[in-house]
Amino acid sequence: MRPTETRQVFEAELTYPTTRRAAIEQVGGYELEAPTGEATLLATALRECPEREFDSATGLYAELMSFLDSAFVGRVGYDDRGGLHQNRTAMSL
């Protein structure tokens, strides 16, 4: 599953408040697919989260997304707002 689909799993399969340990035990077997094609177990990703208790699926999802491995980032340094990163000098008009 894609990482963005985990919130639905957290809402459907966990009761809150919950702990990181309970989340790992109940939904840790799901496999997350990275944009690079790599896969990792949800349990592995959740172990990286420092928070130990969660009041909601939204909180657990936010924590997971903050601590996902770099394989889940996509194109590093990509900016769809313009060309390559350039050093620009701010000008006051």
PDB file of N, CA and C in Angstrom:
ATOM      1  N   MET A   1       0.831  -1.167   0.000  1.00  0.00           N
ATOM      2  CA  MET A   1       0.000   0.000   0.000  1.00  0.00           C
ATOM      3  C   MET A   1       0.880   1.236   0.000  1.00  0.00           C
ATOM      4  N   ARG A   2       0.332   2.311  -0.498  1.00  0.00           N
ATOM      5  CA  ARG A   2       1.053   3.577  -0.467  1.00  0.00           C
ATOM      6  C   ARG A   2       0.959   4.168   0.941  1.00  0.00           C
ATOM      7  N   PRO A   3       1.967   4.923   1.355  1.00  0.00           N
ATOM      8  CA  PRO A   3       1.924   5.514   2.691  1.00  0.00           C
ATOM      9  C   PRO A   3       0.673   6.356   2.952  1.00  0.00           C
ATOM     10  N   THR A   4       0.156   7.009   1.921  1.00  0.00           N
ATOM     11  CA  THR A   4      -1.029   7.851   2.118  1.00  0.00           C
ATOM     12  C   THR A   4      -2.270   7.031   2.456  1.00  0.00           C
ATOM     13  N   GLU A   5      -2.245   5.744   2.198  1.00  0.00           N
ATOM     14  CA  GLU A   5      -3.389   4.882   2.507  1.00  0.00           C
ATOM     15  C   GLU A   5      -3.380   4.395   3.957  1.00  0.00           C
ATOM     16  N   THR A   6      -2.293   4.653   4.673  1.00  0.00           N
ATOM     17  CA  THR A   6      -2.195   4.162   6.041  1.00  0.00           C
ATOM     18  C   THR A   6      -3.197   4.828   6.976  1.00  0.00           C
ATOM     19  N   ARG A   7      -3.545   6.074   6.731  1.00  0.00           N
ATOM     20  CA  ARG A   7      -4.507   6.745   7.610  1.00  0.00           C
ATOM     21  C   ARG A   7      -5.827   5.971   7.654  1.00  0.00           C
ATOM     22  N   GLN A   8      -6.280   5.492   6.508  1.00  0.00           N
ATOM     23  CA  GLN A   8      -7.524   4.715   6.462  1.00  0.00           C
ATOM     24  C   GLN A   8      -7.381   3.420   7.258  1.00  0.00           C
ATOM     25  N   VAL A   9      -6.232   2.779   7.164  1.00  0.00           N
ATOM     26  CA  VAL A   9      -5.985   1.553   7.924  1.00  0.00           C
ATOM     27  C   VAL A   9      -5.973   1.872   9.421  1.00  0.00           C
ATOM     28  N   PHE A  10      -5.305   2.962   9.794  1.00  0.00           N
ATOM     29  CA  PHE A  10      -5.257   3.355  11.202  1.00  0.00           C
ATOM     30  C   PHE A  10      -6.656   3.625  11.742  1.00  0.00           C
ATOM     31  N   GLU A  11      -7.504   4.268  10.936  1.00  0.00           N
ATOM     32  CA  GLU A  11      -8.869   4.566  11.371  1.00  0.00           C
ATOM     33  C   GLU A  11      -9.717   3.304  11.491  1.00  0.00           C
ATOM     34  N   ALA A  12      -9.565   2.391  10.555  1.00  0.00           N
ATOM     35  CA  ALA A  12     -10.407   1.202  10.509  1.00  0.00           C
ATOM     36  C   ALA A  12      -9.992   0.119  11.504  1.00  0.00           C
ATOM     37  N   GLU A  13      -8.708  -0.013  11.769  1.00  0.00           N
ATOM     38  CA  GLU A  13      -8.245  -1.176  12.510  1.00  0.00           C
ATOM     39  C   GLU A  13      -7.721  -0.907  13.919  1.00  0.00           C
ATOM     40  N   LEU A  14      -7.602   0.351  14.300  1.00  0.00           N
ATOM     41  CA  LEU A  14      -7.087   0.663  15.628  1.00  0.00           C
ATOM     42  C   LEU A  14      -8.140   1.428  16.434  1.00  0.00           C
ATOM     43  N   THR A  15      -8.084   1.293  17.745  1.00  0.00           N
ATOM     44  CA  THR A  15      -8.929   2.092  18.628  1.00  0.00           C
ATOM     45  C   THR A  15      -8.025   3.051  19.394  1.00  0.00           C
ATOM     46  N   TYR A  16      -8.538   4.220  19.665  1.00  0.00           N
ATOM     47  CA  TYR A  16      -7.730   5.284  20.273  1.00  0.00           C
ATOM     48  C   TYR A  16      -8.284   5.655  21.627  1.00  0.00           C
ATOM     49  N   PRO A  17      -7.387   6.040  22.538  1.00  0.00           N
ATOM     50  CA  PRO A  17      -5.945   6.178  22.337  1.00  0.00           C
ATOM     51  C   PRO A  17      -5.291   4.816  22.157  1.00  0.00           C
ATOM     52  N   THR A  18      -4.147   4.839  21.486  1.00  0.00           N
ATOM     53  CA  THR A  18      -3.386   3.615  21.259  1.00  0.00           C
ATOM     54  C   THR A  18      -1.911   3.907  21.450  1.00  0.00           C
ATOM     55  N   THR A  19      -1.137   2.857  21.518  1.00  0.00           N
ATOM     56  CA  THR A  19       0.309   2.992  21.661  1.00  0.00           C
ATOM     57  C   THR A  19       0.996   2.564  20.373  1.00  0.00           C
ATOM     58  N   ARG A  20       2.233   2.957  20.257  1.00  0.00           N
ATOM     59  CA  ARG A  20       3.024   2.541  19.095  1.00  0.00           C
ATOM     60  C   ARG A  20       3.126   1.023  19.068  1.00  0.00           C
ATOM     61  N   ARG A  21       3.342   0.417  20.233  1.00  0.00           N
ATOM     62  CA  ARG A  21       3.461  -1.040  20.324  1.00  0.00           C
ATOM     63  C   ARG A  21       2.186  -1.733  19.825  1.00  0.00           C
ATOM     64  N   ALA A  22       1.017  -1.236  20.246  1.00  0.00           N
ATOM     65  CA  ALA A  22      -0.251  -1.826  19.814  1.00  0.00           C
ATOM     66  C   ALA A  22      -0.438  -1.665  18.306  1.00  0.00           C
ATOM     67  N   ALA A  23      -0.075  -0.510  17.784  1.00  0.00           N
ATOM     68  CA  ALA A  23      -0.192  -0.281  16.342  1.00  0.00           C
ATOM     69  C   ALA A  23       0.701  -1.246  15.572  1.00  0.00           C
ATOM     70  N   ILE A  24       1.908  -1.451  16.055  1.00  0.00           N
ATOM     71  CA  ILE A  24       2.830  -2.384  15.397  1.00  0.00           C
ATOM     72  C   ILE A  24       2.252  -3.797  15.419  1.00  0.00           C
ATOM     73  N   GLU A  25       1.710  -4.197  16.554  1.00  0.00           N
ATOM     74  CA  GLU A  25       1.145  -5.543  16.669  1.00  0.00           C
ATOM     75  C   GLU A  25      -0.075  -5.736  15.767  1.00  0.00           C
ATOM     76  N   GLN A  26      -0.919  -4.705  15.652  1.00  0.00           N
ATOM     77  CA  GLN A  26      -2.174  -4.863  14.921  1.00  0.00           C
ATOM     78  C   GLN A  26      -2.069  -4.608  13.422  1.00  0.00           C
ATOM     79  N   VAL A  27      -1.256  -3.645  13.004  1.00  0.00           N
ATOM     80  CA  VAL A  27      -1.200  -3.315  11.576  1.00  0.00           C
ATOM     81  C   VAL A  27       0.218  -3.357  10.999  1.00  0.00           C
ATOM     82  N   GLY A  28       1.175  -3.780  11.799  1.00  0.00           N
ATOM     83  CA  GLY A  28       2.574  -3.783  11.375  1.00  0.00           C
ATOM     84  C   GLY A  28       2.900  -4.707  10.218  1.00  0.00           C
ATOM     85  N   GLY A  29       2.032  -5.661   9.931  1.00  0.00           N
ATOM     86  CA  GLY A  29       2.279  -6.597   8.845  1.00  0.00           C
ATOM     87  C   GLY A  29       1.997  -6.056   7.452  1.00  0.00           C
ATOM     88  N   TYR A  30       1.345  -4.897   7.376  1.00  0.00           N
ATOM     89  CA  TYR A  30       1.091  -4.294   6.063  1.00  0.00           C
ATOM     90  C   TYR A  30       2.413  -3.858   5.440  1.00  0.00           C
ATOM     91  N   GLU A  31       2.488  -3.954   4.128  1.00  0.00           N
ATOM     92  CA  GLU A  31       3.693  -3.568   3.410  1.00  0.00           C
ATOM     93  C   GLU A  31       3.498  -2.209   2.756  1.00  0.00           C
ATOM     94  N   LEU A  32       4.440  -1.301   2.991  1.00  0.00           N
ATOM     95  CA  LEU A  32       4.419   0.020   2.366  1.00  0.00           C
ATOM     96  C   LEU A  32       5.288   0.010   1.119  1.00  0.00           C
ATOM     97  N   GLU A  33       4.773   0.562   0.044  1.00  0.00           N
ATOM     98  CA  GLU A  33       5.531   0.641  -1.207  1.00  0.00           C
ATOM     99  C   GLU A  33       6.019   2.064  -1.424  1.00  0.00           C
ATOM    100  N   ALA A  34       7.310   2.207  -1.621  1.00  0.00           N
ATOM    101  CA  ALA A  34       7.923   3.509  -1.876  1.00  0.00           C
ATOM    102  C   ALA A  34       7.848   3.832  -3.365  1.00  0.00           C
ATOM    103  N   PRO A  35       7.940   5.114  -3.740  1.00  0.00           N
ATOM    104  CA  PRO A  35       7.944   5.484  -5.154  1.00  0.00           C
ATOM    105  C   PRO A  35       9.088   4.840  -5.938  1.00  0.00           C
ATOM    106  N   THR A  36      10.147   4.475  -5.241  1.00  0.00           N
ATOM    107  CA  THR A  36      11.300   3.851  -5.883  1.00  0.00           C
ATOM    108  C   THR A  36      11.071   2.379  -6.183  1.00  0.00           C
ATOM    109  N   GLY A  37       9.954   1.827  -5.683  1.00  0.00           N
ATOM    110  CA  GLY A  37       9.662   0.422  -5.875  1.00  0.00           C
ATOM    111  C   GLY A  37      10.064  -0.429  -4.683  1.00  0.00           C
ATOM    112  N   GLU A  38      10.824   0.158  -3.763  1.00  0.00           N
ATOM    113  CA  GLU A  38      11.201  -0.566  -2.552  1.00  0.00           C
ATOM    114  C   GLU A  38       9.968  -0.744  -1.674  1.00  0.00           C
ATOM    115  N   ALA A  39      10.024  -1.736  -0.829  1.00  0.00           N
ATOM    116  CA  ALA A  39       8.920  -1.979   0.102  1.00  0.00           C
ATOM    117  C   ALA A  39       9.473  -2.199   1.495  1.00  0.00           C
ATOM    118  N   THR A  40       8.694  -1.825   2.485  1.00  0.00           N
ATOM    119  CA  THR A  40       9.057  -2.037   3.876  1.00  0.00           C
ATOM    120  C   THR A  40       7.795  -2.330   4.667  1.00  0.00           C
ATOM    121  N   LEU A  41       7.931  -3.067   5.731  1.00  0.00           N
ATOM    122  CA  LEU A  41       6.780  -3.340   6.577  1.00  0.00           C
ATOM    123  C   LEU A  41       6.405  -2.092   7.362  1.00  0.00           C
ATOM    124  N   LEU A  42       5.133  -1.923   7.576  1.00  0.00           N
ATOM    125  CA  LEU A  42       4.641  -0.796   8.371  1.00  0.00           C
ATOM    126  C   LEU A  42       5.245  -0.846   9.774  1.00  0.00           C
ATOM    127  N   ALA A  43       5.455  -2.030  10.307  1.00  0.00           N
ATOM    128  CA  ALA A  43       6.077  -2.175  11.631  1.00  0.00           C
ATOM    129  C   ALA A  43       7.457  -1.539  11.654  1.00  0.00           C
ATOM    130  N   THR A  44       8.232  -1.740  10.604  1.00  0.00           N
ATOM    131  CA  THR A  44       9.574  -1.164  10.528  1.00  0.00           C
ATOM    132  C   THR A  44       9.507   0.356  10.534  1.00  0.00           C
ATOM    133  N   ALA A  45       8.582   0.909   9.770  1.00  0.00           N
ATOM    134  CA  ALA A  45       8.435   2.363   9.710  1.00  0.00           C
ATOM    135  C   ALA A  45       7.949   2.917  11.050  1.00  0.00           C
ATOM    136  N   LEU A  46       7.021   2.246  11.691  1.00  0.00           N
ATOM    137  CA  LEU A  46       6.488   2.722  12.967  1.00  0.00           C
ATOM    138  C   LEU A  46       7.541   2.683  14.073  1.00  0.00           C
ATOM    139  N   ARG A  47       8.471   1.770  14.005  1.00  0.00           N
ATOM    140  CA  ARG A  47       9.535   1.700  15.021  1.00  0.00           C
ATOM    141  C   ARG A  47      10.425   2.942  14.996  1.00  0.00           C
ATOM    142  N   GLU A  48      10.450   3.658  13.876  1.00  0.00           N
ATOM    143  CA  GLU A  48      11.250   4.880  13.762  1.00  0.00           C
ATOM    144  C   GLU A  48      10.586   6.076  14.448  1.00  0.00           C
ATOM    145  N   CYS A  49       9.320   5.970  14.746  1.00  0.00           N
ATOM    146  CA  CYS A  49       8.567   7.069  15.358  1.00  0.00           C
ATOM    147  C   CYS A  49       8.886   7.154  16.845  1.00  0.00           C
ATOM    148  N   PRO A  50       9.326   8.314  17.319  1.00  0.00           N
ATOM    149  CA  PRO A  50       9.657   8.440  18.739  1.00  0.00           C
ATOM    150  C   PRO A  50       8.426   8.529  19.653  1.00  0.00           C
ATOM    151  N   GLU A  51       7.323   9.028  19.147  1.00  0.00           N
ATOM    152  CA  GLU A  51       6.108   9.158  19.961  1.00  0.00           C
ATOM    153  C   GLU A  51       5.614   7.765  20.334  1.00  0.00           C
ATOM    154  N   ARG A  52       5.167   7.584  21.568  1.00  0.00           N
ATOM    155  CA  ARG A  52       4.752   6.262  22.036  1.00  0.00           C
ATOM    156  C   ARG A  52       3.244   6.116  22.205  1.00  0.00           C
ATOM    157  N   GLU A  53       2.508   7.221  22.285  1.00  0.00           N
ATOM    158  CA  GLU A  53       1.059   7.161  22.439  1.00  0.00           C
ATOM    159  C   GLU A  53       0.391   8.108  21.450  1.00  0.00           C
ATOM    160  N   PHE A  54      -0.779   7.685  20.961  1.00  0.00           N
ATOM    161  CA  PHE A  54      -1.497   8.455  19.947  1.00  0.00           C
ATOM    162  C   PHE A  54      -2.968   8.559  20.317  1.00  0.00           C
ATOM    163  N   ASP A  55      -3.503   9.764  20.188  1.00  0.00           N
ATOM    164  CA  ASP A  55      -4.908  10.010  20.504  1.00  0.00           C
ATOM    165  C   ASP A  55      -5.830   9.804  19.315  1.00  0.00           C
ATOM    166  N   SER A  56      -5.257   9.769  18.101  1.00  0.00           N
ATOM    167  CA  SER A  56      -6.093   9.663  16.907  1.00  0.00           C
ATOM    168  C   SER A  56      -5.301   9.074  15.743  1.00  0.00           C
ATOM    169  N   ALA A  57      -6.049   8.649  14.725  1.00  0.00           N
ATOM    170  CA  ALA A  57      -5.420   8.152  13.502  1.00  0.00           C
ATOM    171  C   ALA A  57      -4.636   9.262  12.817  1.00  0.00           C
ATOM    172  N   THR A  58      -5.133  10.478  12.915  1.00  0.00           N
ATOM    173  CA  THR A  58      -4.450  11.621  12.302  1.00  0.00           C
ATOM    174  C   THR A  58      -3.083  11.835  12.937  1.00  0.00           C
ATOM    175  N   GLY A  59      -3.005  11.737  14.251  1.00  0.00           N
ATOM    176  CA  GLY A  59      -1.724  11.902  14.944  1.00  0.00           C
ATOM    177  C   GLY A  59      -0.735  10.808  14.595  1.00  0.00           C
ATOM    178  N   LEU A  60      -1.213   9.586  14.533  1.00  0.00           N
ATOM    179  CA  LEU A  60      -0.349   8.463  14.174  1.00  0.00           C
ATOM    180  C   LEU A  60       0.134   8.598  12.734  1.00  0.00           C
ATOM    181  N   TYR A  61      -0.765   8.979  11.852  1.00  0.00           N
ATOM    182  CA  TYR A  61      -0.412   9.176  10.438  1.00  0.00           C
ATOM    183  C   TYR A  61       0.637  10.279  10.290  1.00  0.00           C
ATOM    184  N   ALA A  62       0.443  11.404  10.980  1.00  0.00           N
ATOM    185  CA  ALA A  62       1.395  12.516  10.891  1.00  0.00           C
ATOM    186  C   ALA A  62       2.772  12.090  11.387  1.00  0.00           C
ATOM    187  N   GLU A  63       2.799  11.345  12.467  1.00  0.00           N
ATOM    188  CA  GLU A  63       4.072  10.859  13.006  1.00  0.00           C
ATOM    189  C   GLU A  63       4.757   9.928  12.010  1.00  0.00           C
ATOM    190  N   LEU A  64       4.000   9.005  11.441  1.00  0.00           N
ATOM    191  CA  LEU A  64       4.557   8.080  10.453  1.00  0.00           C
ATOM    192  C   LEU A  64       5.144   8.843   9.269  1.00  0.00           C
ATOM    193  N   MET A  65       4.389   9.779   8.729  1.00  0.00           N
ATOM    194  CA  MET A  65       4.850  10.520   7.557  1.00  0.00           C
ATOM    195  C   MET A  65       6.102  11.343   7.850  1.00  0.00           C
ATOM    196  N   SER A  66       6.255  11.786   9.088  1.00  0.00           N
ATOM    197  CA  SER A  66       7.428  12.582   9.467  1.00  0.00           C
ATOM    198  C   SER A  66       8.700  11.759   9.552  1.00  0.00           C
ATOM    199  N   PHE A  67       8.559  10.467   9.793  1.00  0.00           N
ATOM    200  CA  PHE A  67       9.734   9.640  10.028  1.00  0.00           C
ATOM    201  C   PHE A  67       9.927   8.516   9.024  1.00  0.00           C
ATOM    202  N   LEU A  68       9.269   8.615   7.863  1.00  0.00           N
ATOM    203  CA  LEU A  68       9.481   7.606   6.830  1.00  0.00           C
ATOM    204  C   LEU A  68      10.894   7.702   6.278  1.00  0.00           C
ATOM    205  N   ASP A  69      11.402   6.594   5.839  1.00  0.00           N
ATOM    206  CA  ASP A  69      12.731   6.504   5.244  1.00  0.00           C
ATOM    207  C   ASP A  69      12.819   7.379   3.988  1.00  0.00           C
ATOM    208  N   SER A  70      14.010   7.769   3.612  1.00  0.00           N
ATOM    209  CA  SER A  70      14.217   8.636   2.452  1.00  0.00           C
ATOM    210  C   SER A  70      13.729   8.011   1.144  1.00  0.00           C
ATOM    211  N   ALA A  71      13.561   6.699   1.093  1.00  0.00           N
ATOM    212  CA  ALA A  71      13.042   6.052  -0.115  1.00  0.00           C
ATOM    213  C   ALA A  71      11.621   6.503  -0.426  1.00  0.00           C
ATOM    214  N   PHE A  72      10.919   7.035   0.572  1.00  0.00           N
ATOM    215  CA  PHE A  72       9.536   7.457   0.395  1.00  0.00           C
ATOM    216  C   PHE A  72       9.397   8.933   0.038  1.00  0.00           C
ATOM    217  N   VAL A  73      10.509   9.631  -0.049  1.00  0.00           N
ATOM    218  CA  VAL A  73      10.474  11.065  -0.313  1.00  0.00           C
ATOM    219  C   VAL A  73      10.160  11.368  -1.768  1.00  0.00           C
ATOM    220  N   GLY A  74      10.565  10.535  -2.668  1.00  0.00           N
ATOM    221  CA  GLY A  74      10.396  10.828  -4.089  1.00  0.00           C
ATOM    222  C   GLY A  74      11.655  11.479  -4.619  1.00  0.00           C
ATOM    223  N   ARG A  75      11.514  12.393  -5.530  1.00  0.00           N
ATOM    224  CA  ARG A  75      12.673  13.045  -6.144  1.00  0.00           C
ATOM    225  C   ARG A  75      13.238  14.092  -5.200  1.00  0.00           C
ATOM    226  N   VAL A  76      14.432  13.851  -4.709  1.00  0.00           N
ATOM    227  CA  VAL A  76      15.077  14.767  -3.787  1.00  0.00           C
ATOM    228  C   VAL A  76      15.515  16.014  -4.535  1.00  0.00           C
ATOM    229  N   GLY A  77      15.214  17.170  -3.979  1.00  0.00           N
ATOM    230  CA  GLY A  77      15.603  18.437  -4.583  1.00  0.00           C
ATOM    231  C   GLY A  77      14.678  18.903  -5.687  1.00  0.00           C
ATOM    232  N   TYR A  78      13.617  18.167  -5.964  1.00  0.00           N
ATOM    233  CA  TYR A  78      12.690  18.536  -7.031  1.00  0.00           C
ATOM    234  C   TYR A  78      11.816  19.690  -6.585  1.00  0.00           C
ATOM    235  N   ASP A  79      11.634  20.640  -7.470  1.00  0.00           N
ATOM    236  CA  ASP A  79      10.776  21.791  -7.200  1.00  0.00           C
ATOM    237  C   ASP A  79       9.975  22.055  -8.468  1.00  0.00           C
ATOM    238  N   ASP A  80       8.670  21.886  -8.409  1.00  0.00           N
ATOM    239  CA  ASP A  80       7.848  22.062  -9.607  1.00  0.00           C
ATOM    240  C   ASP A  80       7.446  23.516  -9.835  1.00  0.00           C
ATOM    241  N   ARG A  81       8.007  24.421  -9.052  1.00  0.00           N
ATOM    242  CA  ARG A  81       7.671  25.836  -9.204  1.00  0.00           C
ATOM    243  C   ARG A  81       8.620  26.577 -10.141  1.00  0.00           C
ATOM    244  N   GLY A  82       9.600  25.927 -10.647  1.00  0.00           N
ATOM    245  CA  GLY A  82      10.534  26.622 -11.518  1.00  0.00           C
ATOM    246  C   GLY A  82      11.678  25.716 -11.907  1.00  0.00           C
ATOM    247  N   GLY A  83      12.717  26.300 -12.426  1.00  0.00           N
ATOM    248  CA  GLY A  83      13.871  25.541 -12.877  1.00  0.00           C
ATOM    249  C   GLY A  83      14.658  24.959 -11.727  1.00  0.00           C
ATOM    250  N   LEU A  84      15.918  24.767 -11.964  1.00  0.00           N
ATOM    251  CA  LEU A  84      16.798  24.229 -10.938  1.00  0.00           C
ATOM    252  C   LEU A  84      16.946  25.232  -9.809  1.00  0.00           C
ATOM    253  N   HIS A  85      17.332  24.713  -8.649  1.00  0.00           N
ATOM    254  CA  HIS A  85      17.563  25.611  -7.518  1.00  0.00           C
ATOM    255  C   HIS A  85      18.676  26.582  -7.882  1.00  0.00           C
ATOM    256  N   GLN A  86      18.415  27.832  -7.690  1.00  0.00           N
ATOM    257  CA  GLN A  86      19.407  28.849  -8.010  1.00  0.00           C
ATOM    258  C   GLN A  86      19.563  29.762  -6.809  1.00  0.00           C
ATOM    259  N   ASN A  87      20.746  30.298  -6.680  1.00  0.00           N
ATOM    260  CA  ASN A  87      20.948  31.302  -5.640  1.00  0.00           C
ATOM    261  C   ASN A  87      20.320  32.595  -6.128  1.00  0.00           C
ATOM    262  N   ARG A  88      19.364  33.061  -5.396  1.00  0.00           N
ATOM    263  CA  ARG A  88      18.678  34.296  -5.792  1.00  0.00           C
ATOM    264  C   ARG A  88      18.856  35.332  -4.698  1.00  0.00           C
ATOM    265  N   THR A  89      19.042  36.531  -5.094  1.00  0.00           N
ATOM    266  CA  THR A  89      19.185  37.630  -4.150  1.00  0.00           C
ATOM    267  C   THR A  89      17.834  38.304  -4.017  1.00  0.00           C
ATOM    268  N   ALA A  90      17.378  38.438  -2.776  1.00  0.00           N
ATOM    269  CA  ALA A  90      16.103  39.091  -2.532  1.00  0.00           C
ATOM    270  C   ALA A  90      16.239  40.573  -2.855  1.00  0.00           C
ATOM    271  N   MET A  91      15.235  41.095  -3.535  1.00  0.00           N
ATOM    272  CA  MET A  91      15.264  42.515  -3.886  1.00  0.00           C
ATOM    273  C   MET A  91      14.019  43.182  -3.322  1.00  0.00           C
ATOM    274  N   SER A  92      14.210  44.349  -2.808  1.00  0.00           N
ATOM    275  CA  SER A  92      13.094  45.115  -2.294  1.00  0.00           C
ATOM    276  C   SER A  92      12.636  46.076  -3.364  1.00  0.00           C
ATOM    277  N   LEU A  93      11.350  46.091  -3.638  1.00  0.00           N
ATOM    278  CA  LEU A  93      10.827  46.980  -4.682  1.00  0.00           C
ATOM    279  C   LEU A  93      10.175  48.202  -4.099  1.00  0.00           C
TER     280      LEU A  93
END
